[in-house]
Amino acid sequence: MFVCNCFGITEEQVKKHAGDGACTPRQIASACKAGTDCGSCVRRIQALLGRGACPTRELVADGEPALAFAPDSELPEAA
């Protein structure tokens, strides 16, 4: 499913960039331009990233997962 229609960015691409370390909509935008044209996809990107997507160093040092994605059932429907 497309997240950003302006640049043809899919959920999987956003998740890949998040897995590579992008944990804010601005960092996603830097990685693939999603959210930089009309901006209508920014809330969807925020939902995909989830709250607190950037882990604290302590959690990562303790072996906790670096990223947690929101379940698809909690995501808003794309426009």
N, C-alpha and C. Protein backbone atom coordinates (compact mmCIF):
# COMPACT_ATOMS: atom_id res chain seq x y z
N MET A 1 0.84 -1.17 0.00
CA MET A 1 0.00 0.00 0.00
C MET A 1 0.89 1.24 0.00
N PHE A 2 0.49 2.22 -0.79
CA PHE A 2 1.26 3.46 -0.86
C PHE A 2 1.01 4.31 0.37
N VAL A 3 2.08 4.89 0.88
CA VAL A 3 2.00 5.86 1.97
C VAL A 3 2.06 7.26 1.37
N CYS A 4 2.99 7.44 0.46
CA CYS A 4 3.19 8.74 -0.19
C CYS A 4 2.91 8.59 -1.69
N ASN A 5 1.78 9.14 -2.11
CA ASN A 5 1.43 9.07 -3.53
C ASN A 5 2.27 10.00 -4.38
N CYS A 6 2.75 11.09 -3.80
CA CYS A 6 3.55 12.05 -4.56
C CYS A 6 4.85 11.41 -5.09
N PHE A 7 5.46 10.56 -4.28
CA PHE A 7 6.73 9.95 -4.66
C PHE A 7 6.65 8.43 -4.79
N GLY A 8 5.44 7.87 -4.65
CA GLY A 8 5.27 6.43 -4.83
C GLY A 8 5.96 5.60 -3.76
N ILE A 9 5.95 6.07 -2.52
CA ILE A 9 6.62 5.38 -1.42
C ILE A 9 5.62 4.47 -0.72
N THR A 10 6.00 3.22 -0.52
CA THR A 10 5.11 2.23 0.10
C THR A 10 5.40 2.08 1.60
N GLU A 11 4.46 1.40 2.28
CA GLU A 11 4.66 1.10 3.70
C GLU A 11 5.94 0.31 3.90
N GLU A 12 6.17 -0.66 3.03
CA GLU A 12 7.37 -1.49 3.16
C GLU A 12 8.64 -0.65 3.05
N GLN A 13 8.65 0.35 2.17
CA GLN A 13 9.82 1.21 2.04
C GLN A 13 10.03 2.03 3.31
N VAL A 14 8.94 2.56 3.87
CA VAL A 14 9.04 3.33 5.11
C VAL A 14 9.57 2.43 6.22
N LYS A 15 9.05 1.20 6.32
CA LYS A 15 9.50 0.27 7.35
C LYS A 15 10.98 -0.09 7.16
N LYS A 16 11.41 -0.21 5.90
CA LYS A 16 12.82 -0.52 5.63
C LYS A 16 13.71 0.63 6.10
N HIS A 17 13.32 1.86 5.78
CA HIS A 17 14.11 3.01 6.22
C HIS A 17 14.11 3.12 7.74
N ALA A 18 12.98 2.81 8.36
CA ALA A 18 12.92 2.81 9.82
C ALA A 18 13.85 1.74 10.39
N GLY A 19 13.86 0.58 9.76
CA GLY A 19 14.75 -0.49 10.19
C GLY A 19 16.21 -0.13 10.03
N ASP A 20 16.48 0.75 9.07
CA ASP A 20 17.84 1.20 8.83
C ASP A 20 18.24 2.35 9.75
N GLY A 21 17.29 2.77 10.62
CA GLY A 21 17.64 3.79 11.62
C GLY A 21 16.85 5.07 11.58
N ALA A 22 16.05 5.31 10.55
CA ALA A 22 15.23 6.53 10.50
C ALA A 22 14.07 6.36 11.48
N CYS A 23 13.95 7.26 12.45
CA CYS A 23 12.90 7.08 13.45
C CYS A 23 12.02 8.31 13.63
N THR A 24 12.10 9.26 12.72
CA THR A 24 11.20 10.40 12.72
C THR A 24 10.73 10.64 11.28
N PRO A 25 9.58 11.28 11.11
CA PRO A 25 9.14 11.60 9.74
C PRO A 25 10.18 12.41 8.97
N ARG A 26 10.90 13.27 9.64
CA ARG A 26 11.93 14.07 8.96
C ARG A 26 13.06 13.18 8.45
N GLN A 27 13.44 12.17 9.24
CA GLN A 27 14.49 11.25 8.81
C GLN A 27 14.00 10.37 7.66
N ILE A 28 12.73 9.97 7.71
CA ILE A 28 12.14 9.23 6.58
C ILE A 28 12.17 10.10 5.34
N ALA A 29 11.82 11.37 5.48
CA ALA A 29 11.83 12.30 4.34
C ALA A 29 13.23 12.43 3.75
N SER A 30 14.23 12.47 4.60
CA SER A 30 15.60 12.57 4.12
C SER A 30 16.01 11.32 3.35
N ALA A 31 15.46 10.17 3.77
CA ALA A 31 15.82 8.91 3.13
C ALA A 31 15.12 8.70 1.80
N CYS A 32 13.85 9.17 1.66
CA CYS A 32 13.11 8.82 0.45
C CYS A 32 12.18 9.92 -0.08
N LYS A 33 12.20 11.10 0.50
CA LYS A 33 11.39 12.25 0.11
C LYS A 33 9.92 12.17 0.53
N ALA A 34 9.48 11.06 1.11
CA ALA A 34 8.08 10.96 1.55
C ALA A 34 7.78 12.06 2.55
N GLY A 35 6.67 12.76 2.33
CA GLY A 35 6.26 13.83 3.23
C GLY A 35 6.80 15.19 2.88
N THR A 36 7.55 15.31 1.79
CA THR A 36 8.17 16.59 1.46
C THR A 36 7.42 17.38 0.40
N ASP A 37 6.38 16.79 -0.20
CA ASP A 37 5.65 17.53 -1.24
C ASP A 37 4.36 18.09 -0.66
N CYS A 38 3.26 17.35 -0.71
CA CYS A 38 1.99 17.88 -0.21
C CYS A 38 1.84 17.71 1.30
N GLY A 39 2.56 16.75 1.88
CA GLY A 39 2.54 16.55 3.33
C GLY A 39 1.39 15.72 3.86
N SER A 40 0.51 15.23 2.99
CA SER A 40 -0.64 14.48 3.48
C SER A 40 -0.28 13.13 4.06
N CYS A 41 0.91 12.64 3.80
CA CYS A 41 1.31 11.31 4.29
C CYS A 41 2.06 11.36 5.62
N VAL A 42 2.33 12.53 6.14
CA VAL A 42 3.15 12.64 7.35
C VAL A 42 2.50 11.94 8.53
N ARG A 43 1.20 12.08 8.70
CA ARG A 43 0.52 11.40 9.82
C ARG A 43 0.58 9.89 9.66
N ARG A 44 0.47 9.41 8.46
CA ARG A 44 0.57 7.97 8.22
C ARG A 44 1.98 7.48 8.56
N ILE A 45 2.98 8.24 8.17
CA ILE A 45 4.37 7.89 8.50
C ILE A 45 4.55 7.88 10.01
N GLN A 46 4.00 8.87 10.71
CA GLN A 46 4.07 8.90 12.17
C GLN A 46 3.44 7.65 12.77
N ALA A 47 2.30 7.25 12.22
CA ALA A 47 1.61 6.06 12.72
C ALA A 47 2.44 4.80 12.49
N LEU A 48 3.08 4.71 11.33
CA LEU A 48 3.92 3.55 11.05
C LEU A 48 5.12 3.49 11.99
N LEU A 49 5.66 4.63 12.32
CA LEU A 49 6.82 4.67 13.20
C LEU A 49 6.42 4.38 14.64
N GLY A 50 5.23 4.75 15.03
CA GLY A 50 4.78 4.54 16.40
C GLY A 50 5.39 5.55 17.34
N ARG A 51 4.83 5.63 18.53
CA ARG A 51 5.37 6.55 19.54
C ARG A 51 6.64 5.97 20.13
N GLY A 52 7.57 6.86 20.39
CA GLY A 52 8.81 6.43 21.02
C GLY A 52 9.60 5.46 20.16
N ALA A 53 9.53 5.64 18.83
CA ALA A 53 10.21 4.71 17.93
C ALA A 53 11.73 4.74 18.10
N CYS A 54 12.25 5.86 18.56
CA CYS A 54 13.70 5.93 18.80
C CYS A 54 13.97 5.41 20.20
N PRO A 55 14.63 4.29 20.29
CA PRO A 55 14.87 3.70 21.61
C PRO A 55 15.93 4.47 22.38
N THR A 56 15.88 4.37 23.68
CA THR A 56 16.94 4.96 24.48
C THR A 56 18.15 4.03 24.42
N ARG A 57 19.29 4.56 24.61
CA ARG A 57 20.52 3.76 24.56
C ARG A 57 20.48 2.63 25.59
N GLU A 58 19.87 2.91 26.74
CA GLU A 58 19.83 1.90 27.79
C GLU A 58 19.03 0.68 27.34
N LEU A 59 17.89 0.90 26.67
CA LEU A 59 17.08 -0.22 26.21
C LEU A 59 17.83 -1.06 25.19
N VAL A 60 18.49 -0.41 24.26
CA VAL A 60 19.23 -1.13 23.23
C VAL A 60 20.39 -1.89 23.88
N ALA A 61 21.05 -1.27 24.82
CA ALA A 61 22.17 -1.93 25.51
C ALA A 61 21.70 -3.17 26.26
N ASP A 62 20.43 -3.14 26.72
CA ASP A 62 19.87 -4.29 27.43
C ASP A 62 19.31 -5.35 26.50
N GLY A 63 19.46 -5.16 25.20
CA GLY A 63 19.01 -6.15 24.24
C GLY A 63 17.57 -6.01 23.79
N GLU A 64 16.92 -4.90 24.13
CA GLU A 64 15.54 -4.67 23.69
C GLU A 64 15.54 -4.36 22.20
N PRO A 65 14.43 -4.62 21.51
CA PRO A 65 14.37 -4.31 20.08
C PRO A 65 14.53 -2.81 19.83
N ALA A 66 15.19 -2.48 18.74
CA ALA A 66 15.45 -1.08 18.44
C ALA A 66 14.20 -0.35 17.94
N LEU A 67 13.30 -1.05 17.25
CA LEU A 67 12.10 -0.41 16.72
C LEU A 67 10.88 -1.26 16.98
N ALA A 68 9.76 -0.61 17.19
CA ALA A 68 8.48 -1.31 17.35
C ALA A 68 7.48 -0.64 16.43
N PHE A 69 6.87 -1.41 15.56
CA PHE A 69 5.89 -0.87 14.63
C PHE A 69 4.49 -1.03 15.18
N ALA A 70 3.64 -0.08 14.86
CA ALA A 70 2.24 -0.17 15.26
C ALA A 70 1.57 -1.29 14.47
N PRO A 71 0.71 -2.06 15.11
CA PRO A 71 -0.01 -3.11 14.37
C PRO A 71 -0.87 -2.48 13.28
N ASP A 72 -1.03 -3.17 12.15
CA ASP A 72 -1.81 -2.64 11.04
C ASP A 72 -3.22 -2.26 11.47
N SER A 73 -3.80 -2.97 12.44
CA SER A 73 -5.16 -2.67 12.88
C SER A 73 -5.27 -1.32 13.56
N GLU A 74 -4.15 -0.74 14.02
CA GLU A 74 -4.18 0.54 14.70
C GLU A 74 -3.85 1.71 13.76
N LEU A 75 -3.50 1.42 12.53
CA LEU A 75 -3.10 2.47 11.61
C LEU A 75 -4.32 3.09 10.94
N PRO A 76 -4.29 4.41 10.72
CA PRO A 76 -5.40 5.05 10.01
C PRO A 76 -5.42 4.63 8.54
N GLU A 77 -6.59 4.61 7.97
CA GLU A 77 -6.74 4.25 6.56
C GLU A 77 -6.13 5.34 5.68
N ALA A 78 -5.38 4.95 4.67
CA ALA A 78 -4.77 5.92 3.76
C ALA A 78 -5.84 6.59 2.93
N ALA A 79 -5.60 7.84 2.58
CA ALA A 79 -6.56 8.60 1.79
C ALA A 79 -6.59 8.16 0.36
